[in-house]
Amino acid sequence: IGPNGAGKTTLFNVFTGLYEPEAGEVTFRGRSLVGLRPDQI
């Protein structure tokens, strides 16, 4: 949760491959999701 503009949907978009982060790592079941397409995720 958070106020409008807090970054919630942006974070979702990073989690699901719509955006690639400038820094950081996202893993699912120990596998990196960064750089994968949404359909691959």
PDB file of all heavy atoms in Angstrom:
ATOM      1  N   ILE A   1       0.835  -1.187   0.000  1.00  0.00           N
ATOM      2  CA  ILE A   1       0.000   0.000   0.000  1.00  0.00           C
ATOM      3  C   ILE A   1       0.874   1.243   0.000  1.00  0.00           C
ATOM      4  O   ILE A   1       2.090   1.167   0.182  1.00  0.00           O
ATOM      5  CB  ILE A   1      -0.970   0.019   1.206  1.00  0.00           C
ATOM      6  CG1 ILE A   1      -0.187   0.158   2.522  1.00  0.00           C
ATOM      7  CG2 ILE A   1      -1.828  -1.237   1.230  1.00  0.00           C
ATOM      8  CD1 ILE A   1      -1.086   0.367   3.742  1.00  0.00           C
ATOM      9  N   GLY A   2       0.232   2.375  -0.183  1.00  0.00           N
ATOM     10  CA  GLY A   2       0.937   3.646  -0.173  1.00  0.00           C
ATOM     11  C   GLY A   2       0.136   4.695  -0.902  1.00  0.00           C
ATOM     12  O   GLY A   2      -0.770   4.368  -1.676  1.00  0.00           O
ATOM     13  N   PRO A   3       0.437   5.969  -0.689  1.00  0.00           N
ATOM     14  CA  PRO A   3      -0.283   7.045  -1.369  1.00  0.00           C
ATOM     15  C   PRO A   3      -0.092   6.963  -2.882  1.00  0.00           C
ATOM     16  O   PRO A   3       0.800   6.265  -3.382  1.00  0.00           O
ATOM     17  CB  PRO A   3       0.357   8.321  -0.798  1.00  0.00           C
ATOM     18  CG  PRO A   3       1.102   7.885   0.415  1.00  0.00           C
ATOM     19  CD  PRO A   3       1.496   6.465   0.201  1.00  0.00           C
ATOM     20  N   ASN A   4      -0.917   7.675  -3.617  1.00  0.00           N
ATOM     21  CA  ASN A   4      -0.730   7.758  -5.066  1.00  0.00           C
ATOM     22  C   ASN A   4       0.673   8.252  -5.383  1.00  0.00           C
ATOM     23  O   ASN A   4       1.167   9.193  -4.759  1.00  0.00           O
ATOM     24  CB  ASN A   4      -1.762   8.710  -5.677  1.00  0.00           C
ATOM     25  CG  ASN A   4      -3.165   8.136  -5.642  1.00  0.00           C
ATOM     26  OD1 ASN A   4      -3.345   6.925  -5.656  1.00  0.00           O
ATOM     27  ND2 ASN A   4      -4.162   9.008  -5.589  1.00  0.00           N
ATOM     28  N   GLY A   5       1.314   7.604  -6.350  1.00  0.00           N
ATOM     29  CA  GLY A   5       2.664   8.001  -6.731  1.00  0.00           C
ATOM     30  C   GLY A   5       3.754   7.424  -5.849  1.00  0.00           C
ATOM     31  O   GLY A   5       4.927   7.792  -5.989  1.00  0.00           O
ATOM     32  N   ALA A   6       3.390   6.500  -4.957  1.00  0.00           N
ATOM     33  CA  ALA A   6       4.385   5.937  -4.037  1.00  0.00           C
ATOM     34  C   ALA A   6       5.333   4.967  -4.714  1.00  0.00           C
ATOM     35  O   ALA A   6       6.390   4.647  -4.169  1.00  0.00           O
ATOM     36  CB  ALA A   6       3.681   5.246  -2.871  1.00  0.00           C
ATOM     37  N   GLY A   7       4.954   4.447  -5.909  1.00  0.00           N
ATOM     38  CA  GLY A   7       5.828   3.518  -6.624  1.00  0.00           C
ATOM     39  C   GLY A   7       5.336   2.086  -6.634  1.00  0.00           C
ATOM     40  O   GLY A   7       6.059   1.181  -7.063  1.00  0.00           O
ATOM     41  N   LYS A   8       4.098   1.866  -6.212  1.00  0.00           N
ATOM     42  CA  LYS A   8       3.580   0.494  -6.077  1.00  0.00           C
ATOM     43  C   LYS A   8       3.522  -0.227  -7.424  1.00  0.00           C
ATOM     44  O   LYS A   8       4.041  -1.341  -7.575  1.00  0.00           O
ATOM     45  CB  LYS A   8       2.184   0.532  -5.439  1.00  0.00           C
ATOM     46  CG  LYS A   8       2.134   1.254  -4.102  1.00  0.00           C
ATOM     47  CD  LYS A   8       0.748   1.230  -3.490  1.00  0.00           C
ATOM     48  CE  LYS A   8      -0.291   1.989  -4.310  1.00  0.00           C
ATOM     49  NZ  LYS A   8      -0.013   3.440  -4.397  1.00  0.00           N
ATOM     50  N   THR A   9       2.881   0.388  -8.421  1.00  0.00           N
ATOM     51  CA  THR A   9       2.750  -0.267  -9.723  1.00  0.00           C
ATOM     52  C   THR A   9       4.100  -0.382 -10.413  1.00  0.00           C
ATOM     53  O   THR A   9       4.376  -1.374 -11.107  1.00  0.00           O
ATOM     54  CB  THR A   9       1.746   0.489 -10.604  1.00  0.00           C
ATOM     55  OG1 THR A   9       0.445   0.414  -9.991  1.00  0.00           O
ATOM     56  CG2 THR A   9       1.657  -0.123 -11.994  1.00  0.00           C
ATOM     57  N   THR A  10       4.968   0.606 -10.226  1.00  0.00           N
ATOM     58  CA  THR A  10       6.322   0.510 -10.781  1.00  0.00           C
ATOM     59  C   THR A  10       7.040  -0.717 -10.226  1.00  0.00           C
ATOM     60  O   THR A  10       7.701  -1.454 -10.966  1.00  0.00           O
ATOM     61  CB  THR A  10       7.128   1.774 -10.467  1.00  0.00           C
ATOM     62  OG1 THR A  10       6.496   2.907 -11.074  1.00  0.00           O
ATOM     63  CG2 THR A  10       8.559   1.670 -10.987  1.00  0.00           C
ATOM     64  N   LEU A  11       6.884  -0.951  -8.934  1.00  0.00           N
ATOM     65  CA  LEU A  11       7.515  -2.124  -8.324  1.00  0.00           C
ATOM     66  C   LEU A  11       6.926  -3.408  -8.905  1.00  0.00           C
ATOM     67  O   LEU A  11       7.673  -4.348  -9.235  1.00  0.00           O
ATOM     68  CB  LEU A  11       7.318  -2.090  -6.813  1.00  0.00           C
ATOM     69  CG  LEU A  11       8.132  -3.096  -5.993  1.00  0.00           C
ATOM     70  CD1 LEU A  11       9.627  -2.874  -6.194  1.00  0.00           C
ATOM     71  CD2 LEU A  11       7.774  -2.991  -4.514  1.00  0.00           C
ATOM     72  N   PHE A  12       5.612  -3.457  -9.076  1.00  0.00           N
ATOM     73  CA  PHE A  12       4.984  -4.610  -9.724  1.00  0.00           C
ATOM     74  C   PHE A  12       5.551  -4.826 -11.125  1.00  0.00           C
ATOM     75  O   PHE A  12       5.799  -5.962 -11.541  1.00  0.00           O
ATOM     76  CB  PHE A  12       3.472  -4.378  -9.826  1.00  0.00           C
ATOM     77  CG  PHE A  12       2.660  -5.183  -8.844  1.00  0.00           C
ATOM     78  CD1 PHE A  12       3.112  -5.402  -7.558  1.00  0.00           C
ATOM     79  CD2 PHE A  12       1.432  -5.701  -9.197  1.00  0.00           C
ATOM     80  CE1 PHE A  12       2.367  -6.130  -6.642  1.00  0.00           C
ATOM     81  CE2 PHE A  12       0.670  -6.437  -8.297  1.00  0.00           C
ATOM     82  CZ  PHE A  12       1.139  -6.647  -7.022  1.00  0.00           C
ATOM     83  N   ASN A  13       5.725  -3.739 -11.858  1.00  0.00           N
ATOM     84  CA  ASN A  13       6.240  -3.845 -13.226  1.00  0.00           C
ATOM     85  C   ASN A  13       7.668  -4.361 -13.257  1.00  0.00           C
ATOM     86  O   ASN A  13       8.056  -5.076 -14.193  1.00  0.00           O
ATOM     87  CB  ASN A  13       6.147  -2.487 -13.927  1.00  0.00           C
ATOM     88  CG  ASN A  13       4.720  -2.092 -14.262  1.00  0.00           C
ATOM     89  OD1 ASN A  13       3.830  -2.932 -14.307  1.00  0.00           O
ATOM     90  ND2 ASN A  13       4.500  -0.814 -14.505  1.00  0.00           N
ATOM     91  N   VAL A  14       8.449  -4.033 -12.241  1.00  0.00           N
ATOM     92  CA  VAL A  14       9.798  -4.602 -12.123  1.00  0.00           C
ATOM     93  C   VAL A  14       9.703  -6.091 -11.800  1.00  0.00           C
ATOM     94  O   VAL A  14      10.398  -6.920 -12.405  1.00  0.00           O
ATOM     95  CB  VAL A  14      10.614  -3.861 -11.046  1.00  0.00           C
ATOM     96  CG1 VAL A  14      11.924  -4.608 -10.761  1.00  0.00           C
ATOM     97  CG2 VAL A  14      10.924  -2.433 -11.487  1.00  0.00           C
ATOM     98  N   PHE A  15       8.823  -6.432 -10.866  1.00  0.00           N
ATOM     99  CA  PHE A  15       8.685  -7.835 -10.464  1.00  0.00           C
ATOM    100  C   PHE A  15       8.288  -8.730 -11.642  1.00  0.00           C
ATOM    101  O   PHE A  15       8.682  -9.895 -11.699  1.00  0.00           O
ATOM    102  CB  PHE A  15       7.621  -7.964  -9.371  1.00  0.00           C
ATOM    103  CG  PHE A  15       8.022  -7.441  -8.023  1.00  0.00           C
ATOM    104  CD1 PHE A  15       7.078  -7.342  -7.008  1.00  0.00           C
ATOM    105  CD2 PHE A  15       9.327  -7.061  -7.748  1.00  0.00           C
ATOM    106  CE1 PHE A  15       7.427  -6.878  -5.752  1.00  0.00           C
ATOM    107  CE2 PHE A  15       9.697  -6.582  -6.495  1.00  0.00           C
ATOM    108  CZ  PHE A  15       8.734  -6.494  -5.498  1.00  0.00           C
ATOM    109  N   THR A  16       7.488  -8.194 -12.575  1.00  0.00           N
ATOM    110  CA  THR A  16       6.920  -9.025 -13.640  1.00  0.00           C
ATOM    111  C   THR A  16       7.562  -8.787 -15.004  1.00  0.00           C
ATOM    112  O   THR A  16       7.034  -9.231 -16.019  1.00  0.00           O
ATOM    113  CB  THR A  16       5.402  -8.806 -13.729  1.00  0.00           C
ATOM    114  OG1 THR A  16       5.123  -7.407 -13.900  1.00  0.00           O
ATOM    115  CG2 THR A  16       4.713  -9.301 -12.471  1.00  0.00           C
ATOM    116  N   GLY A  17       8.688  -8.088 -15.045  1.00  0.00           N
ATOM    117  CA  GLY A  17       9.457  -7.986 -16.268  1.00  0.00           C
ATOM    118  C   GLY A  17       9.055  -6.888 -17.236  1.00  0.00           C
ATOM    119  O   GLY A  17       9.628  -6.784 -18.320  1.00  0.00           O
ATOM    120  N   LEU A  18       8.087  -6.046 -16.873  1.00  0.00           N
ATOM    121  CA  LEU A  18       7.742  -4.928 -17.749  1.00  0.00           C
ATOM    122  C   LEU A  18       8.805  -3.839 -17.696  1.00  0.00           C
ATOM    123  O   LEU A  18       9.025  -3.131 -18.676  1.00  0.00           O
ATOM    124  CB  LEU A  18       6.375  -4.357 -17.366  1.00  0.00           C
ATOM    125  CG  LEU A  18       5.170  -5.260 -17.649  1.00  0.00           C
ATOM    126  CD1 LEU A  18       3.897  -4.631 -17.114  1.00  0.00           C
ATOM    127  CD2 LEU A  18       5.033  -5.521 -19.152  1.00  0.00           C
ATOM    128  N   TYR A  19       9.428  -3.676 -16.536  1.00  0.00           N
ATOM    129  CA  TYR A  19      10.558  -2.760 -16.381  1.00  0.00           C
ATOM    130  C   TYR A  19      11.767  -3.547 -15.901  1.00  0.00           C
ATOM    131  O   TYR A  19      11.627  -4.501 -15.132  1.00  0.00           O
ATOM    132  CB  TYR A  19      10.269  -1.678 -15.344  1.00  0.00           C
ATOM    133  CG  TYR A  19       9.147  -0.725 -15.652  1.00  0.00           C
ATOM    134  CD1 TYR A  19       8.487  -0.072 -14.616  1.00  0.00           C
ATOM    135  CD2 TYR A  19       8.740  -0.458 -16.961  1.00  0.00           C
ATOM    136  CE1 TYR A  19       7.457   0.819 -14.868  1.00  0.00           C
ATOM    137  CE2 TYR A  19       7.710   0.426 -17.222  1.00  0.00           C
ATOM    138  CZ  TYR A  19       7.067   1.062 -16.175  1.00  0.00           C
ATOM    139  OH  TYR A  19       6.046   1.946 -16.429  1.00  0.00           O
ATOM    140  N   GLU A  20      12.943  -3.115 -16.324  1.00  0.00           N
ATOM    141  CA  GLU A  20      14.181  -3.685 -15.801  1.00  0.00           C
ATOM    142  C   GLU A  20      14.801  -2.675 -14.845  1.00  0.00           C
ATOM    143  O   GLU A  20      14.948  -1.507 -15.188  1.00  0.00           O
ATOM    144  CB  GLU A  20      15.151  -4.003 -16.933  1.00  0.00           C
ATOM    145  CG  GLU A  20      16.389  -4.751 -16.462  1.00  0.00           C
ATOM    146  CD  GLU A  20      17.181  -5.365 -17.614  1.00  0.00           C
ATOM    147  OE1 GLU A  20      16.603  -5.534 -18.711  1.00  0.00           O
ATOM    148  OE2 GLU A  20      18.371  -5.663 -17.407  1.00  0.00           O
ATOM    149  N   PRO A  21      15.139  -3.084 -13.634  1.00  0.00           N
ATOM    150  CA  PRO A  21      15.663  -2.131 -12.659  1.00  0.00           C
ATOM    151  C   PRO A  21      17.077  -1.686 -12.993  1.00  0.00           C
ATOM    152  O   PRO A  21      17.841  -2.415 -13.632  1.00  0.00           O
ATOM    153  CB  PRO A  21      15.632  -2.923 -11.351  1.00  0.00           C
ATOM    154  CG  PRO A  21      15.805  -4.340 -11.790  1.00  0.00           C
ATOM    155  CD  PRO A  21      15.071  -4.453 -13.098  1.00  0.00           C
ATOM    156  N   GLU A  22      17.410  -0.473 -12.558  1.00  0.00           N
ATOM    157  CA  GLU A  22      18.790   0.008 -12.693  1.00  0.00           C
ATOM    158  C   GLU A  22      19.716  -0.700 -11.708  1.00  0.00           C
ATOM    159  O   GLU A  22      20.924  -0.824 -11.949  1.00  0.00           O
ATOM    160  CB  GLU A  22      18.855   1.525 -12.458  1.00  0.00           C
ATOM    161  CG  GLU A  22      18.582   2.369 -13.700  1.00  0.00           C
ATOM    162  CD  GLU A  22      17.119   2.314 -14.112  1.00  0.00           C
ATOM    163  OE1 GLU A  22      16.231   2.285 -13.236  1.00  0.00           O
ATOM    164  OE2 GLU A  22      16.855   2.287 -15.333  1.00  0.00           O
ATOM    165  N   ALA A  23      19.161  -1.126 -10.594  1.00  0.00           N
ATOM    166  CA  ALA A  23      19.954  -1.839  -9.587  1.00  0.00           C
ATOM    167  C   ALA A  23      19.045  -2.823  -8.871  1.00  0.00           C
ATOM    168  O   ALA A  23      17.830  -2.644  -8.813  1.00  0.00           O
ATOM    169  CB  ALA A  23      20.580  -0.858  -8.597  1.00  0.00           C
ATOM    170  N   GLY A  24      19.655  -3.862  -8.332  1.00  0.00           N
ATOM    171  CA  GLY A  24      18.899  -4.823  -7.543  1.00  0.00           C
ATOM    172  C   GLY A  24      18.684  -6.149  -8.252  1.00  0.00           C
ATOM    173  O   GLY A  24      18.998  -6.308  -9.428  1.00  0.00           O
ATOM    174  N   GLU A  25      18.140  -7.091  -7.524  1.00  0.00           N
ATOM    175  CA  GLU A  25      17.916  -8.440  -8.022  1.00  0.00           C
ATOM    176  C   GLU A  25      16.521  -8.907  -7.626  1.00  0.00           C
ATOM    177  O   GLU A  25      16.022  -8.598  -6.545  1.00  0.00           O
ATOM    178  CB  GLU A  25      18.965  -9.394  -7.435  1.00  0.00           C
ATOM    179  CG  GLU A  25      18.890 -10.821  -7.944  1.00  0.00           C
ATOM    180  CD  GLU A  25      19.108 -10.932  -9.441  1.00  0.00           C
ATOM    181  OE1 GLU A  25      20.262 -11.050  -9.883  1.00  0.00           O
ATOM    182  OE2 GLU A  25      18.094 -10.890 -10.163  1.00  0.00           O
ATOM    183  N   VAL A  26      15.885  -9.654  -8.532  1.00  0.00           N
ATOM    184  CA  VAL A  26      14.581 -10.263  -8.277  1.00  0.00           C
ATOM    185  C   VAL A  26      14.705 -11.747  -8.579  1.00  0.00           C
ATOM    186  O   VAL A  26      15.141 -12.123  -9.672  1.00  0.00           O
ATOM    187  CB  VAL A  26      13.478  -9.642  -9.160  1.00  0.00           C
ATOM    188  CG1 VAL A  26      12.122 -10.284  -8.841  1.00  0.00           C
ATOM    189  CG2 VAL A  26      13.408  -8.137  -8.992  1.00  0.00           C
ATOM    190  N   THR A  27      14.331 -12.583  -7.618  1.00  0.00           N
ATOM    191  CA  THR A  27      14.425 -14.019  -7.840  1.00  0.00           C
ATOM    192  C   THR A  27      13.104 -14.690  -7.483  1.00  0.00           C
ATOM    193  O   THR A  27      12.373 -14.255  -6.585  1.00  0.00           O
ATOM    194  CB  THR A  27      15.546 -14.666  -7.011  1.00  0.00           C
ATOM    195  OG1 THR A  27      15.287 -14.469  -5.617  1.00  0.00           O
ATOM    196  CG2 THR A  27      16.899 -14.076  -7.361  1.00  0.00           C
ATOM    197  N   PHE A  28      12.805 -15.772  -8.186  1.00  0.00           N
ATOM    198  CA  PHE A  28      11.635 -16.599  -7.925  1.00  0.00           C
ATOM    199  C   PHE A  28      12.097 -18.045  -7.891  1.00  0.00           C
ATOM    200  O   PHE A  28      12.696 -18.533  -8.846  1.00  0.00           O
ATOM    201  CB  PHE A  28      10.578 -16.398  -9.016  1.00  0.00           C
ATOM    202  CG  PHE A  28       9.378 -17.282  -8.886  1.00  0.00           C
ATOM    203  CD1 PHE A  28       8.474 -17.079  -7.855  1.00  0.00           C
ATOM    204  CD2 PHE A  28       9.155 -18.320  -9.783  1.00  0.00           C
ATOM    205  CE1 PHE A  28       7.356 -17.896  -7.716  1.00  0.00           C
ATOM    206  CE2 PHE A  28       8.041 -19.138  -9.664  1.00  0.00           C
ATOM    207  CZ  PHE A  28       7.139 -18.926  -8.628  1.00  0.00           C
ATOM    208  N   ARG A  29      11.866 -18.697  -6.761  1.00  0.00           N
ATOM    209  CA  ARG A  29      12.371 -20.052  -6.545  1.00  0.00           C
ATOM    210  C   ARG A  29      13.874 -20.128  -6.806  1.00  0.00           C
ATOM    211  O   ARG A  29      14.394 -21.100  -7.356  1.00  0.00           O
ATOM    212  CB  ARG A  29      11.618 -21.054  -7.419  1.00  0.00           C
ATOM    213  CG  ARG A  29      10.183 -21.274  -6.976  1.00  0.00           C
ATOM    214  CD  ARG A  29       9.406 -22.135  -7.951  1.00  0.00           C
ATOM    215  NE  ARG A  29       8.114 -22.552  -7.393  1.00  0.00           N
ATOM    216  CZ  ARG A  29       7.111 -23.035  -8.105  1.00  0.00           C
ATOM    217  NH1 ARG A  29       7.238 -23.170  -9.423  1.00  0.00           N
ATOM    218  NH2 ARG A  29       5.982 -23.378  -7.545  1.00  0.00           N
ATOM    219  N   GLY A  30      14.564 -19.064  -6.405  1.00  0.00           N
ATOM    220  CA  GLY A  30      16.002 -19.005  -6.525  1.00  0.00           C
ATOM    221  C   GLY A  30      16.537 -18.625  -7.886  1.00  0.00           C
ATOM    222  O   GLY A  30      17.752 -18.501  -8.069  1.00  0.00           O
ATOM    223  N   ARG A  31      15.659 -18.397  -8.858  1.00  0.00           N
ATOM    224  CA  ARG A  31      16.089 -18.055 -10.216  1.00  0.00           C
ATOM    225  C   ARG A  31      15.878 -16.572 -10.485  1.00  0.00           C
ATOM    226  O   ARG A  31      14.819 -16.022 -10.174  1.00  0.00           O
ATOM    227  CB  ARG A  31      15.305 -18.868 -11.247  1.00  0.00           C
ATOM    228  CG  ARG A  31      15.629 -18.484 -12.684  1.00  0.00           C
ATOM    229  CD  ARG A  31      15.019 -19.423 -13.682  1.00  0.00           C
ATOM    230  NE  ARG A  31      15.267 -18.981 -15.058  1.00  0.00           N
ATOM    231  CZ  ARG A  31      14.941 -19.678 -16.137  1.00  0.00           C
ATOM    232  NH1 ARG A  31      14.333 -20.847 -16.011  1.00  0.00           N
ATOM    233  NH2 ARG A  31      15.204 -19.215 -17.341  1.00  0.00           N
ATOM    234  N   SER A  32      16.859 -15.925 -11.077  1.00  0.00           N
ATOM    235  CA  SER A  32      16.751 -14.499 -11.362  1.00  0.00           C
ATOM    236  C   SER A  32      15.693 -14.232 -12.432  1.00  0.00           C
ATOM    237  O   SER A  32      15.622 -14.930 -13.446  1.00  0.00           O
ATOM    238  CB  SER A  32      18.099 -13.946 -11.843  1.00  0.00           C
ATOM    239  OG  SER A  32      17.960 -12.583 -12.219  1.00  0.00           O
ATOM    240  N   LEU A  33      14.873 -13.203 -12.198  1.00  0.00           N
ATOM    241  CA  LEU A  33      13.871 -12.789 -13.171  1.00  0.00           C
ATOM    242  C   LEU A  33      14.299 -11.558 -13.960  1.00  0.00           C
ATOM    243  O   LEU A  33      13.651 -11.215 -14.953  1.00  0.00           O
ATOM    244  CB  LEU A  33      12.541 -12.479 -12.457  1.00  0.00           C
ATOM    245  CG  LEU A  33      11.904 -13.591 -11.630  1.00  0.00           C
ATOM    246  CD1 LEU A  33      10.563 -13.132 -11.082  1.00  0.00           C
ATOM    247  CD2 LEU A  33      11.747 -14.872 -12.453  1.00  0.00           C
ATOM    248  N   VAL A  34      15.346 -10.895 -13.527  1.00  0.00           N
ATOM    249  CA  VAL A  34      15.791  -9.666 -14.187  1.00  0.00           C
ATOM    250  C   VAL A  34      16.266  -9.978 -15.605  1.00  0.00           C
ATOM    251  O   VAL A  34      17.086 -10.878 -15.816  1.00  0.00           O
ATOM    252  CB  VAL A  34      16.910  -8.972 -13.385  1.00  0.00           C
ATOM    253  CG1 VAL A  34      17.441  -7.753 -14.152  1.00  0.00           C
ATOM    254  CG2 VAL A  34      16.399  -8.547 -12.021  1.00  0.00           C
ATOM    255  N   GLY A  35      15.719  -9.263 -16.561  1.00  0.00           N
ATOM    256  CA  GLY A  35      16.089  -9.462 -17.956  1.00  0.00           C
ATOM    257  C   GLY A  35      15.187 -10.430 -18.696  1.00  0.00           C
ATOM    258  O   GLY A  35      15.281 -10.536 -19.923  1.00  0.00           O
ATOM    259  N   LEU A  36      14.306 -11.136 -17.970  1.00  0.00           N
ATOM    260  CA  LEU A  36      13.367 -12.035 -18.633  1.00  0.00           C
ATOM    261  C   LEU A  36      12.153 -11.266 -19.139  1.00  0.00           C
ATOM    262  O   LEU A  36      11.746 -10.269 -18.564  1.00  0.00           O
ATOM    263  CB  LEU A  36      12.897 -13.135 -17.679  1.00  0.00           C
ATOM    264  CG  LEU A  36      13.952 -14.104 -17.139  1.00  0.00           C
ATOM    265  CD1 LEU A  36      13.291 -15.164 -16.276  1.00  0.00           C
ATOM    266  CD2 LEU A  36      14.734 -14.754 -18.278  1.00  0.00           C
ATOM    267  N   ARG A  37      11.548 -11.775 -20.218  1.00  0.00           N
ATOM    268  CA  ARG A  37      10.319 -11.181 -20.732  1.00  0.00           C
ATOM    269  C   ARG A  37       9.143 -11.560 -19.821  1.00  0.00           C
ATOM    270  O   ARG A  37       9.195 -12.588 -19.131  1.00  0.00           O
ATOM    271  CB  ARG A  37      10.031 -11.675 -22.147  1.00  0.00           C
ATOM    272  CG  ARG A  37      11.101 -11.346 -23.178  1.00  0.00           C
ATOM    273  CD  ARG A  37      10.590 -11.721 -24.575  1.00  0.00           C
ATOM    274  NE  ARG A  37      10.053 -13.073 -24.623  1.00  0.00           N
ATOM    275  CZ  ARG A  37      10.767 -14.157 -24.935  1.00  0.00           C
ATOM    276  NH1 ARG A  37      12.053 -14.035 -25.229  1.00  0.00           N
ATOM    277  NH2 ARG A  37      10.193 -15.358 -24.972  1.00  0.00           N
ATOM    278  N   PRO A  38       8.074 -10.755 -19.841  1.00  0.00           N
ATOM    279  CA  PRO A  38       6.897 -11.098 -19.023  1.00  0.00           C
ATOM    280  C   PRO A  38       6.361 -12.499 -19.285  1.00  0.00           C
ATOM    281  O   PRO A  38       5.964 -13.202 -18.349  1.00  0.00           O
ATOM    282  CB  PRO A  38       5.883 -10.021 -19.414  1.00  0.00           C
ATOM    283  CG  PRO A  38       6.718  -8.836 -19.780  1.00  0.00           C
ATOM    284  CD  PRO A  38       7.927  -9.420 -20.461  1.00  0.00           C
ATOM    285  N   ASP A  39       6.343 -12.942 -20.556  1.00  0.00           N
ATOM    286  CA  ASP A  39       5.822 -14.278 -20.842  1.00  0.00           C
ATOM    287  C   ASP A  39       6.728 -15.364 -20.271  1.00  0.00           C
ATOM    288  O   ASP A  39       6.247 -16.428 -19.848  1.00  0.00           O
ATOM    289  CB  ASP A  39       5.637 -14.464 -22.358  1.00  0.00           C
ATOM    290  CG  ASP A  39       6.950 -14.380 -23.122  1.00  0.00           C
ATOM    291  OD1 ASP A  39       7.572 -13.296 -23.099  1.00  0.00           O
ATOM    292  OD2 ASP A  39       7.358 -15.378 -23.745  1.00  0.00           O
ATOM    293  N   GLN A  40       8.040 -15.107 -20.232  1.00  0.00           N
ATOM    294  CA  GLN A  40       8.952 -16.071 -19.640  1.00  0.00           C
ATOM    295  C   GLN A  40       8.741 -16.168 -18.129  1.00  0.00           C
ATOM    296  O   GLN A  40       8.807 -17.251 -17.550  1.00  0.00           O
ATOM    297  CB  GLN A  40      10.402 -15.677 -19.952  1.00  0.00           C
ATOM    298  CG  GLN A  40      10.763 -15.789 -21.422  1.00  0.00           C
ATOM    299  CD  GLN A  40      12.153 -15.239 -21.728  1.00  0.00           C
ATOM    300  OE1 GLN A  40      12.537 -14.184 -21.206  1.00  0.00           O
ATOM    301  NE2 GLN A  40      12.894 -15.950 -22.559  1.00  0.00           N
ATOM    302  N   ILE A  41       8.483 -15.019 -17.507  1.00  0.00           N
ATOM    303  CA  ILE A  41       8.219 -14.992 -16.066  1.00  0.00           C
ATOM    304  C   ILE A  41       6.910 -15.705 -15.758  1.00  0.00           C
ATOM    305  O   ILE A  41       6.809 -16.459 -14.786  1.00  0.00           O
ATOM    306  CB  ILE A  41       8.219 -13.535 -15.563  1.00  0.00           C
ATOM    307  CG1 ILE A  41       9.636 -12.955 -15.673  1.00  0.00           C
ATOM    308  CG2 ILE A  41       7.703 -13.443 -14.134  1.00  0.00           C
ATOM    309  CD1 ILE A  41       9.738 -11.489 -15.332  1.00  0.00           C
TER     310      ILE A  41
END
